[in-house]
Amino acid sequence: MQVYKRDIVRKIVSSVNVPYLEHLLSVTEVYALEEMLHSTLAVRCGGKPRKYPDGTAAYTRAGVPISVLEAQEARKSKDVYFVHPVKRDPADPARLWISGAES
């Protein structure tokens, strides 16, 4: 998850070669390219990466998706403001719970 200040967003938007970026996006096979692209552009425009709060580490990982129980535990922590990964399936129980479709 990435959060940007308004000034960085303005710099990113004004510095991007839109036709070239659109070309790159049309030929890439990288899944979820925005996860790398946005942060790369922000750093290029002067953004300073920061580490996530310590409590976040237990709920972010590569591979096995977050379970409903893990999402519920994460919600109780004041330091956790996102979990990753959540299965990219609209019927996934964790995704449904997070979206409020199931409580």
PDB file of N, CA and C in Angstrom:
ATOM      1  N   MET A   1       0.846  -1.165   0.000  1.00  0.00           N
ATOM      2  CA  MET A   1       0.000   0.000   0.000  1.00  0.00           C
ATOM      3  C   MET A   1       0.889   1.224   0.000  1.00  0.00           C
ATOM      4  N   GLN A   2       0.480   2.196  -0.774  1.00  0.00           N
ATOM      5  CA  GLN A   2       1.264   3.416  -0.871  1.00  0.00           C
ATOM      6  C   GLN A   2       0.364   4.622  -0.673  1.00  0.00           C
ATOM      7  N   VAL A   3       0.857   5.571   0.074  1.00  0.00           N
ATOM      8  CA  VAL A   3       0.148   6.826   0.311  1.00  0.00           C
ATOM      9  C   VAL A   3       1.097   7.944  -0.081  1.00  0.00           C
ATOM     10  N   TYR A   4       0.594   8.911  -0.839  1.00  0.00           N
ATOM     11  CA  TYR A   4       1.442   9.983  -1.339  1.00  0.00           C
ATOM     12  C   TYR A   4       0.882  11.342  -0.978  1.00  0.00           C
ATOM     13  N   LYS A   5       1.780  12.273  -0.710  1.00  0.00           N
ATOM     14  CA  LYS A   5       1.382  13.663  -0.493  1.00  0.00           C
ATOM     15  C   LYS A   5       1.015  14.291  -1.835  1.00  0.00           C
ATOM     16  N   ARG A   6       0.166  15.275  -1.772  1.00  0.00           N
ATOM     17  CA  ARG A   6      -0.334  15.945  -2.974  1.00  0.00           C
ATOM     18  C   ARG A   6       0.791  16.478  -3.861  1.00  0.00           C
ATOM     19  N   ASP A   7       1.820  17.077  -3.253  1.00  0.00           N
ATOM     20  CA  ASP A   7       2.922  17.641  -4.050  1.00  0.00           C
ATOM     21  C   ASP A   7       3.640  16.569  -4.875  1.00  0.00           C
ATOM     22  N   ILE A   8       3.843  15.390  -4.292  1.00  0.00           N
ATOM     23  CA  ILE A   8       4.501  14.307  -5.027  1.00  0.00           C
ATOM     24  C   ILE A   8       3.613  13.851  -6.183  1.00  0.00           C
ATOM     25  N   VAL A   9       2.309  13.759  -5.931  1.00  0.00           N
ATOM     26  CA  VAL A   9       1.392  13.346  -7.001  1.00  0.00           C
ATOM     27  C   VAL A   9       1.447  14.354  -8.149  1.00  0.00           C
ATOM     28  N   ARG A  10       1.465  15.619  -7.823  1.00  0.00           N
ATOM     29  CA  ARG A  10       1.569  16.641  -8.884  1.00  0.00           C
ATOM     30  C   ARG A  10       2.860  16.485  -9.683  1.00  0.00           C
ATOM     31  N   LYS A  11       3.977  16.255  -8.980  1.00  0.00           N
ATOM     32  CA  LYS A  11       5.262  16.072  -9.671  1.00  0.00           C
ATOM     33  C   LYS A  11       5.233  14.835 -10.560  1.00  0.00           C
ATOM     34  N   ILE A  12       4.645  13.749 -10.059  1.00  0.00           N
ATOM     35  CA  ILE A  12       4.569  12.517 -10.845  1.00  0.00           C
ATOM     36  C   ILE A  12       3.772  12.761 -12.123  1.00  0.00           C
ATOM     37  N   VAL A  13       2.591  13.347 -11.975  1.00  0.00           N
ATOM     38  CA  VAL A  13       1.718  13.565 -13.123  1.00  0.00           C
ATOM     39  C   VAL A  13       2.377  14.472 -14.156  1.00  0.00           C
ATOM     40  N   SER A  14       3.071  15.499 -13.692  1.00  0.00           N
ATOM     41  CA  SER A  14       3.683  16.428 -14.648  1.00  0.00           C
ATOM     42  C   SER A  14       4.971  15.890 -15.267  1.00  0.00           C
ATOM     43  N   SER A  15       5.568  14.862 -14.660  1.00  0.00           N
ATOM     44  CA  SER A  15       6.852  14.368 -15.170  1.00  0.00           C
ATOM     45  C   SER A  15       6.727  13.142 -16.062  1.00  0.00           C
ATOM     46  N   VAL A  16       5.567  12.557 -16.134  1.00  0.00           N
ATOM     47  CA  VAL A  16       5.406  11.311 -16.880  1.00  0.00           C
ATOM     48  C   VAL A  16       5.201  11.583 -18.370  1.00  0.00           C
ATOM     49  N   ASN A  17       5.912  10.837 -19.189  1.00  0.00           N
ATOM     50  CA  ASN A  17       5.718  10.856 -20.633  1.00  0.00           C
ATOM     51  C   ASN A  17       4.556   9.898 -20.900  1.00  0.00           C
ATOM     52  N   VAL A  18       3.346  10.437 -20.963  1.00  0.00           N
ATOM     53  CA  VAL A  18       2.141   9.613 -21.035  1.00  0.00           C
ATOM     54  C   VAL A  18       2.126   8.677 -22.245  1.00  0.00           C
ATOM     55  N   PRO A  19       2.407   9.133 -23.456  1.00  0.00           N
ATOM     56  CA  PRO A  19       2.396   8.185 -24.584  1.00  0.00           C
ATOM     57  C   PRO A  19       3.379   7.022 -24.397  1.00  0.00           C
ATOM     58  N   TYR A  20       4.572   7.335 -23.891  1.00  0.00           N
ATOM     59  CA  TYR A  20       5.556   6.278 -23.684  1.00  0.00           C
ATOM     60  C   TYR A  20       5.093   5.317 -22.588  1.00  0.00           C
ATOM     61  N   LEU A  21       4.546   5.851 -21.492  1.00  0.00           N
ATOM     62  CA  LEU A  21       4.037   5.012 -20.407  1.00  0.00           C
ATOM     63  C   LEU A  21       2.898   4.123 -20.898  1.00  0.00           C
ATOM     64  N   GLU A  22       1.987   4.684 -21.687  1.00  0.00           N
ATOM     65  CA  GLU A  22       0.890   3.883 -22.232  1.00  0.00           C
ATOM     66  C   GLU A  22       1.419   2.762 -23.120  1.00  0.00           C
ATOM     67  N   HIS A  23       2.449   3.048 -23.890  1.00  0.00           N
ATOM     68  CA  HIS A  23       3.072   2.011 -24.714  1.00  0.00           C
ATOM     69  C   HIS A  23       3.637   0.899 -23.829  1.00  0.00           C
ATOM     70  N   LEU A  24       4.387   1.269 -22.813  1.00  0.00           N
ATOM     71  CA  LEU A  24       4.966   0.265 -21.920  1.00  0.00           C
ATOM     72  C   LEU A  24       3.882  -0.580 -21.257  1.00  0.00           C
ATOM     73  N   LEU A  25       2.812   0.059 -20.820  1.00  0.00           N
ATOM     74  CA  LEU A  25       1.727  -0.677 -20.181  1.00  0.00           C
ATOM     75  C   LEU A  25       1.046  -1.633 -21.159  1.00  0.00           C
ATOM     76  N   SER A  26       0.989  -1.254 -22.412  1.00  0.00           N
ATOM     77  CA  SER A  26       0.318  -2.110 -23.400  1.00  0.00           C
ATOM     78  C   SER A  26       1.130  -3.351 -23.763  1.00  0.00           C
ATOM     79  N   VAL A  27       2.430  -3.318 -23.557  1.00  0.00           N
ATOM     80  CA  VAL A  27       3.261  -4.464 -23.950  1.00  0.00           C
ATOM     81  C   VAL A  27       3.764  -5.285 -22.764  1.00  0.00           C
ATOM     82  N   THR A  28       3.547  -4.822 -21.554  1.00  0.00           N
ATOM     83  CA  THR A  28       4.058  -5.569 -20.411  1.00  0.00           C
ATOM     84  C   THR A  28       3.137  -6.725 -20.041  1.00  0.00           C
ATOM     85  N   GLU A  29       3.729  -7.759 -19.489  1.00  0.00           N
ATOM     86  CA  GLU A  29       2.960  -8.883 -18.972  1.00  0.00           C
ATOM     87  C   GLU A  29       3.061  -8.934 -17.450  1.00  0.00           C
ATOM     88  N   VAL A  30       3.614  -7.898 -16.856  1.00  0.00           N
ATOM     89  CA  VAL A  30       3.761  -7.842 -15.405  1.00  0.00           C
ATOM     90  C   VAL A  30       2.392  -7.663 -14.772  1.00  0.00           C
ATOM     91  N   TYR A  31       2.063  -8.534 -13.819  1.00  0.00           N
ATOM     92  CA  TYR A  31       0.791  -8.462 -13.110  1.00  0.00           C
ATOM     93  C   TYR A  31       0.918  -7.441 -11.984  1.00  0.00           C
ATOM     94  N   ALA A  32      -0.042  -6.564 -11.838  1.00  0.00           N
ATOM     95  CA  ALA A  32      -0.052  -5.541 -10.787  1.00  0.00           C
ATOM     96  C   ALA A  32       1.156  -4.612 -10.897  1.00  0.00           C
ATOM     97  N   LEU A  33       1.420  -4.167 -12.088  1.00  0.00           N
ATOM     98  CA  LEU A  33       2.543  -3.277 -12.352  1.00  0.00           C
ATOM     99  C   LEU A  33       2.509  -2.022 -11.486  1.00  0.00           C
ATOM    100  N   GLU A  34       1.302  -1.560 -11.164  1.00  0.00           N
ATOM    101  CA  GLU A  34       1.185  -0.328 -10.372  1.00  0.00           C
ATOM    102  C   GLU A  34       1.862  -0.441  -9.014  1.00  0.00           C
ATOM    103  N   GLU A  35       1.995  -1.640  -8.481  1.00  0.00           N
ATOM    104  CA  GLU A  35       2.640  -1.805  -7.185  1.00  0.00           C
ATOM    105  C   GLU A  35       4.106  -1.392  -7.231  1.00  0.00           C
ATOM    106  N   MET A  36       4.728  -1.497  -8.392  1.00  0.00           N
ATOM    107  CA  MET A  36       6.117  -1.066  -8.550  1.00  0.00           C
ATOM    108  C   MET A  36       6.203   0.318  -9.179  1.00  0.00           C
ATOM    109  N   LEU A  37       5.338   0.569 -10.135  1.00  0.00           N
ATOM    110  CA  LEU A  37       5.402   1.807 -10.907  1.00  0.00           C
ATOM    111  C   LEU A  37       5.186   3.046 -10.050  1.00  0.00           C
ATOM    112  N   HIS A  38       4.135   3.061  -9.258  1.00  0.00           N
ATOM    113  CA  HIS A  38       3.831   4.259  -8.472  1.00  0.00           C
ATOM    114  C   HIS A  38       4.960   4.610  -7.506  1.00  0.00           C
ATOM    115  N   SER A  39       5.467   3.612  -6.808  1.00  0.00           N
ATOM    116  CA  SER A  39       6.542   3.909  -5.850  1.00  0.00           C
ATOM    117  C   SER A  39       7.821   4.342  -6.557  1.00  0.00           C
ATOM    118  N   THR A  40       8.122   3.758  -7.711  1.00  0.00           N
ATOM    119  CA  THR A  40       9.308   4.159  -8.475  1.00  0.00           C
ATOM    120  C   THR A  40       9.196   5.609  -8.928  1.00  0.00           C
ATOM    121  N   LEU A  41       8.028   5.982  -9.449  1.00  0.00           N
ATOM    122  CA  LEU A  41       7.818   7.367  -9.880  1.00  0.00           C
ATOM    123  C   LEU A  41       7.896   8.331  -8.700  1.00  0.00           C
ATOM    124  N   ALA A  42       7.346   7.942  -7.558  1.00  0.00           N
ATOM    125  CA  ALA A  42       7.383   8.813  -6.380  1.00  0.00           C
ATOM    126  C   ALA A  42       8.823   9.074  -5.937  1.00  0.00           C
ATOM    127  N   VAL A  43       9.632   8.039  -5.882  1.00  0.00           N
ATOM    128  CA  VAL A  43      11.037   8.210  -5.485  1.00  0.00           C
ATOM    129  C   VAL A  43      11.765   9.079  -6.505  1.00  0.00           C
ATOM    130  N   ARG A  44      11.494   8.840  -7.781  1.00  0.00           N
ATOM    131  CA  ARG A  44      12.119   9.651  -8.834  1.00  0.00           C
ATOM    132  C   ARG A  44      11.774  11.138  -8.681  1.00  0.00           C
ATOM    133  N   CYS A  45      10.606  11.420  -8.120  1.00  0.00           N
ATOM    134  CA  CYS A  45      10.157  12.808  -7.949  1.00  0.00           C
ATOM    135  C   CYS A  45      10.441  13.355  -6.553  1.00  0.00           C
ATOM    136  N   GLY A  46      11.272  12.657  -5.780  1.00  0.00           N
ATOM    137  CA  GLY A  46      11.684  13.182  -4.488  1.00  0.00           C
ATOM    138  C   GLY A  46      10.993  12.573  -3.284  1.00  0.00           C
ATOM    139  N   GLY A  47      10.125  11.599  -3.496  1.00  0.00           N
ATOM    140  CA  GLY A  47       9.464  10.938  -2.374  1.00  0.00           C
ATOM    141  C   GLY A  47      10.456  10.151  -1.538  1.00  0.00           C
ATOM    142  N   LYS A  48      10.158  10.022  -0.258  1.00  0.00           N
ATOM    143  CA  LYS A  48      11.050   9.296   0.653  1.00  0.00           C
ATOM    144  C   LYS A  48      10.300   8.099   1.230  1.00  0.00           C
ATOM    145  N   PRO A  49      10.704   6.892   0.833  1.00  0.00           N
ATOM    146  CA  PRO A  49      10.029   5.697   1.359  1.00  0.00           C
ATOM    147  C   PRO A  49      10.194   5.594   2.863  1.00  0.00           C
ATOM    148  N   ARG A  50       9.176   5.086   3.514  1.00  0.00           N
ATOM    149  CA  ARG A  50       9.218   4.832   4.957  1.00  0.00           C
ATOM    150  C   ARG A  50       8.782   3.403   5.205  1.00  0.00           C
ATOM    151  N   LYS A  51       9.230   2.847   6.293  1.00  0.00           N
ATOM    152  CA  LYS A  51       8.831   1.482   6.612  1.00  0.00           C
ATOM    153  C   LYS A  51       7.429   1.482   7.209  1.00  0.00           C
ATOM    154  N   TYR A  52       6.771   0.355   7.090  1.00  0.00           N
ATOM    155  CA  TYR A  52       5.443   0.195   7.673  1.00  0.00           C
ATOM    156  C   TYR A  52       5.567   0.085   9.187  1.00  0.00           C
ATOM    157  N   PRO A  53       4.503   0.386   9.920  1.00  0.00           N
ATOM    158  CA  PRO A  53       4.541   0.193  11.378  1.00  0.00           C
ATOM    159  C   PRO A  53       4.866  -1.265  11.716  1.00  0.00           C
ATOM    160  N   ASP A  54       5.515  -1.473  12.855  1.00  0.00           N
ATOM    161  CA  ASP A  54       5.973  -2.812  13.240  1.00  0.00           C
ATOM    162  C   ASP A  54       4.878  -3.864  13.225  1.00  0.00           C
ATOM    163  N   GLY A  55       3.680  -3.547  13.662  1.00  0.00           N
ATOM    164  CA  GLY A  55       2.601  -4.530  13.720  1.00  0.00           C
ATOM    165  C   GLY A  55       2.144  -5.029  12.370  1.00  0.00           C
ATOM    166  N   THR A  56       2.478  -4.313  11.328  1.00  0.00           N
ATOM    167  CA  THR A  56       2.037  -4.664   9.982  1.00  0.00           C
ATOM    168  C   THR A  56       2.691  -5.942   9.466  1.00  0.00           C
ATOM    169  N   ALA A  57       3.898  -6.224   9.888  1.00  0.00           N
ATOM    170  CA  ALA A  57       4.664  -7.359   9.350  1.00  0.00           C
ATOM    171  C   ALA A  57       3.925  -8.691   9.485  1.00  0.00           C
ATOM    172  N   ALA A  58       3.171  -8.868  10.531  1.00  0.00           N
ATOM    173  CA  ALA A  58       2.459 -10.133  10.739  1.00  0.00           C
ATOM    174  C   ALA A  58       1.339 -10.344   9.722  1.00  0.00           C
ATOM    175  N   TYR A  59       0.929  -9.273   9.046  1.00  0.00           N
ATOM    176  CA  TYR A  59      -0.219  -9.358   8.134  1.00  0.00           C
ATOM    177  C   TYR A  59       0.130  -8.994   6.691  1.00  0.00           C
ATOM    178  N   THR A  60       1.406  -8.990   6.376  1.00  0.00           N
ATOM    179  CA  THR A  60       1.842  -8.770   4.994  1.00  0.00           C
ATOM    180  C   THR A  60       2.880  -9.829   4.649  1.00  0.00           C
ATOM    181  N   ARG A  61       2.700 -10.415   3.494  1.00  0.00           N
ATOM    182  CA  ARG A  61       3.612 -11.480   3.070  1.00  0.00           C
ATOM    183  C   ARG A  61       3.413 -11.750   1.582  1.00  0.00           C
ATOM    184  N   ALA A  62       4.265 -12.549   1.031  1.00  0.00           N
ATOM    185  CA  ALA A  62       4.091 -13.029  -0.337  1.00  0.00           C
ATOM    186  C   ALA A  62       3.528 -14.441  -0.237  1.00  0.00           C
ATOM    187  N   GLY A  63       2.684 -14.798  -1.163  1.00  0.00           N
ATOM    188  CA  GLY A  63       2.202 -16.177  -1.189  1.00  0.00           C
ATOM    189  C   GLY A  63       0.812 -16.365  -0.630  1.00  0.00           C
ATOM    190  N   VAL A  64       0.711 -17.105   0.450  1.00  0.00           N
ATOM    191  CA  VAL A  64      -0.588 -17.532   1.003  1.00  0.00           C
ATOM    192  C   VAL A  64      -1.456 -16.324   1.372  1.00  0.00           C
ATOM    193  N   PRO A  65      -2.665 -16.256   0.818  1.00  0.00           N
ATOM    194  CA  PRO A  65      -3.558 -15.125   1.117  1.00  0.00           C
ATOM    195  C   PRO A  65      -3.964 -15.054   2.594  1.00  0.00           C
ATOM    196  N   ILE A  66      -4.305 -13.875   3.022  1.00  0.00           N
ATOM    197  CA  ILE A  66      -4.777 -13.613   4.387  1.00  0.00           C
ATOM    198  C   ILE A  66      -6.109 -14.330   4.611  1.00  0.00           C
ATOM    199  N   SER A  67      -6.264 -14.927   5.786  1.00  0.00           N
ATOM    200  CA  SER A  67      -7.523 -15.587   6.140  1.00  0.00           C
ATOM    201  C   SER A  67      -8.466 -14.583   6.812  1.00  0.00           C
ATOM    202  N   VAL A  68      -9.719 -14.974   6.959  1.00  0.00           N
ATOM    203  CA  VAL A  68     -10.690 -14.119   7.655  1.00  0.00           C
ATOM    204  C   VAL A  68     -10.207 -13.861   9.083  1.00  0.00           C
ATOM    205  N   LEU A  69      -9.766 -14.901   9.769  1.00  0.00           N
ATOM    206  CA  LEU A  69      -9.296 -14.752  11.147  1.00  0.00           C
ATOM    207  C   LEU A  69      -8.137 -13.755  11.225  1.00  0.00           C
ATOM    208  N   GLU A  70      -7.199 -13.847  10.309  1.00  0.00           N
ATOM    209  CA  GLU A  70      -6.077 -12.905  10.299  1.00  0.00           C
ATOM    210  C   GLU A  70      -6.563 -11.480  10.040  1.00  0.00           C
ATOM    211  N   ALA A  71      -7.494 -11.314   9.123  1.00  0.00           N
ATOM    212  CA  ALA A  71      -8.038  -9.981   8.841  1.00  0.00           C
ATOM    213  C   ALA A  71      -8.727  -9.416  10.083  1.00  0.00           C
ATOM    214  N   GLN A  72      -9.459 -10.259  10.782  1.00  0.00           N
ATOM    215  CA  GLN A  72     -10.140  -9.817  12.004  1.00  0.00           C
ATOM    216  C   GLN A  72      -9.140  -9.445  13.099  1.00  0.00           C
ATOM    217  N   GLU A  73      -8.077 -10.240  13.233  1.00  0.00           N
ATOM    218  CA  GLU A  73      -7.035  -9.918  14.214  1.00  0.00           C
ATOM    219  C   GLU A  73      -6.345  -8.600  13.859  1.00  0.00           C
ATOM    220  N   ALA A  74      -6.041  -8.426  12.575  1.00  0.00           N
ATOM    221  CA  ALA A  74      -5.370  -7.206  12.120  1.00  0.00           C
ATOM    222  C   ALA A  74      -6.219  -5.980  12.419  1.00  0.00           C
ATOM    223  N   ARG A  75      -7.527  -6.105  12.254  1.00  0.00           N
ATOM    224  CA  ARG A  75      -8.450  -4.975  12.488  1.00  0.00           C
ATOM    225  C   ARG A  75      -8.377  -4.470  13.924  1.00  0.00           C
ATOM    226  N   LYS A  76      -8.022  -5.334  14.846  1.00  0.00           N
ATOM    227  CA  LYS A  76      -7.947  -4.968  16.267  1.00  0.00           C
ATOM    228  C   LYS A  76      -6.691  -4.170  16.608  1.00  0.00           C
ATOM    229  N   SER A  77      -5.718  -4.159  15.719  1.00  0.00           N
ATOM    230  CA  SER A  77      -4.451  -3.486  15.986  1.00  0.00           C
ATOM    231  C   SER A  77      -4.481  -2.049  15.470  1.00  0.00           C
ATOM    232  N   LYS A  78      -4.039  -1.111  16.293  1.00  0.00           N
ATOM    233  CA  LYS A  78      -4.004   0.295  15.871  1.00  0.00           C
ATOM    234  C   LYS A  78      -2.886   0.563  14.852  1.00  0.00           C
ATOM    235  N   ASP A  79      -1.904  -0.342  14.766  1.00  0.00           N
ATOM    236  CA  ASP A  79      -0.777  -0.148  13.848  1.00  0.00           C
ATOM    237  C   ASP A  79      -0.984  -0.762  12.471  1.00  0.00           C
ATOM    238  N   VAL A  80      -2.037  -1.543  12.288  1.00  0.00           N
ATOM    239  CA  VAL A  80      -2.243  -2.239  11.014  1.00  0.00           C
ATOM    240  C   VAL A  80      -3.368  -1.551  10.259  1.00  0.00           C
ATOM    241  N   TYR A  81      -3.044  -0.996   9.102  1.00  0.00           N
ATOM    242  CA  TYR A  81      -4.062  -0.318   8.305  1.00  0.00           C
ATOM    243  C   TYR A  81      -4.281  -1.000   6.957  1.00  0.00           C
ATOM    244  N   PHE A  82      -3.608  -2.116   6.712  1.00  0.00           N
ATOM    245  CA  PHE A  82      -3.875  -2.936   5.531  1.00  0.00           C
ATOM    246  C   PHE A  82      -3.324  -4.340   5.753  1.00  0.00           C
ATOM    247  N   VAL A  83      -3.845  -5.286   4.977  1.00  0.00           N
ATOM    248  CA  VAL A  83      -3.347  -6.657   4.983  1.00  0.00           C
ATOM    249  C   VAL A  83      -3.033  -7.035   3.531  1.00  0.00           C
ATOM    250  N   HIS A  84      -2.081  -7.966   3.374  1.00  0.00           N
ATOM    251  CA  HIS A  84      -1.690  -8.360   2.015  1.00  0.00           C
ATOM    252  C   HIS A  84      -1.031  -9.724   2.060  1.00  0.00           C
ATOM    253  N   PRO A  85      -1.344 -10.616   1.157  1.00  0.00           N
ATOM    254  CA  PRO A  85      -2.295 -10.480   0.058  1.00  0.00           C
ATOM    255  C   PRO A  85      -3.687 -10.956   0.453  1.00  0.00           C
ATOM    256  N   VAL A  86      -4.674 -10.400  -0.212  1.00  0.00           N
ATOM    257  CA  VAL A  86      -6.043 -10.883  -0.117  1.00  0.00           C
ATOM    258  C   VAL A  86      -6.338 -11.514  -1.469  1.00  0.00           C
ATOM    259  N   LYS A  87      -6.899 -12.694  -1.442  1.00  0.00           N
ATOM    260  CA  LYS A  87      -7.160 -13.415  -2.691  1.00  0.00           C
ATOM    261  C   LYS A  87      -8.007 -12.564  -3.637  1.00  0.00           C
ATOM    262  N   ARG A  88      -7.624 -12.527  -4.900  1.00  0.00           N
ATOM    263  CA  ARG A  88      -8.342 -11.730  -5.909  1.00  0.00           C
ATOM    264  C   ARG A  88      -9.541 -12.506  -6.445  1.00  0.00           C
ATOM    265  N   ASP A  89     -10.449 -12.745  -5.532  1.00  0.00           N
ATOM    266  CA  ASP A  89     -11.673 -13.485  -5.855  1.00  0.00           C
ATOM    267  C   ASP A  89     -12.805 -12.807  -5.089  1.00  0.00           C
ATOM    268  N   PRO A  90     -13.822 -12.306  -5.780  1.00  0.00           N
ATOM    269  CA  PRO A  90     -14.906 -11.603  -5.095  1.00  0.00           C
ATOM    270  C   PRO A  90     -15.641 -12.460  -4.061  1.00  0.00           C
ATOM    271  N   ALA A  91     -15.540 -13.781  -4.182  1.00  0.00           N
ATOM    272  CA  ALA A  91     -16.212 -14.673  -3.232  1.00  0.00           C
ATOM    273  C   ALA A  91     -15.298 -15.108  -2.090  1.00  0.00           C
ATOM    274  N   ASP A  92     -14.061 -14.641  -2.070  1.00  0.00           N
ATOM    275  CA  ASP A  92     -13.123 -15.016  -1.011  1.00  0.00           C
ATOM    276  C   ASP A  92     -13.656 -14.545   0.335  1.00  0.00           C
ATOM    277  N   PRO A  93     -13.719 -15.422   1.342  1.00  0.00           N
ATOM    278  CA  PRO A  93     -14.265 -15.044   2.648  1.00  0.00           C
ATOM    279  C   PRO A  93     -13.562 -13.839   3.295  1.00  0.00           C
ATOM    280  N   ALA A  94     -12.248 -13.773   3.198  1.00  0.00           N
ATOM    281  CA  ALA A  94     -11.537 -12.624   3.788  1.00  0.00           C
ATOM    282  C   ALA A  94     -11.905 -11.343   3.056  1.00  0.00           C
ATOM    283  N   ARG A  95     -11.959 -11.396   1.723  1.00  0.00           N
ATOM    284  CA  ARG A  95     -12.326 -10.206   0.935  1.00  0.00           C
ATOM    285  C   ARG A  95     -13.747  -9.770   1.285  1.00  0.00           C
ATOM    286  N   LEU A  96     -14.655 -10.716   1.430  1.00  0.00           N
ATOM    287  CA  LEU A  96     -16.040 -10.377   1.784  1.00  0.00           C
ATOM    288  C   LEU A  96     -16.111  -9.718   3.159  1.00  0.00           C
ATOM    289  N   TRP A  97     -15.359 -10.268   4.124  1.00  0.00           N
ATOM    290  CA  TRP A  97     -15.371  -9.697   5.469  1.00  0.00           C
ATOM    291  C   TRP A  97     -14.781  -8.284   5.458  1.00  0.00           C
ATOM    292  N   ILE A  98     -13.676  -8.093   4.781  1.00  0.00           N
ATOM    293  CA  ILE A  98     -13.023  -6.788   4.722  1.00  0.00           C
ATOM    294  C   ILE A  98     -13.946  -5.755   4.066  1.00  0.00           C
ATOM    295  N   SER A  99     -14.637  -6.156   3.013  1.00  0.00           N
ATOM    296  CA  SER A  99     -15.507  -5.224   2.302  1.00  0.00           C
ATOM    297  C   SER A  99     -16.813  -4.956   3.041  1.00  0.00           C
ATOM    298  N   GLY A 100     -17.060  -5.715   4.106  1.00  0.00           N
ATOM    299  CA  GLY A 100     -18.285  -5.500   4.875  1.00  0.00           C
ATOM    300  C   GLY A 100     -19.452  -6.318   4.378  1.00  0.00           C
ATOM    301  N   ALA A 101     -19.241  -7.148   3.372  1.00  0.00           N
ATOM    302  CA  ALA A 101     -20.339  -7.973   2.844  1.00  0.00           C
ATOM    303  C   ALA A 101     -20.716  -9.074   3.835  1.00  0.00           C
ATOM    304  N   GLU A 102     -19.779  -9.464   4.672  1.00  0.00           N
ATOM    305  CA  GLU A 102     -20.047 -10.426   5.753  1.00  0.00           C
ATOM    306  C   GLU A 102     -19.428  -9.877   7.018  1.00  0.00           C
ATOM    307  N   SER A 103     -20.146  -9.977   8.129  1.00  0.00           N
ATOM    308  CA  SER A 103     -19.561  -9.472   9.375  1.00  0.00           C
ATOM    309  C   SER A 103     -19.412 -10.562  10.400  1.00  0.00           C
TER     310      SER A 103
END
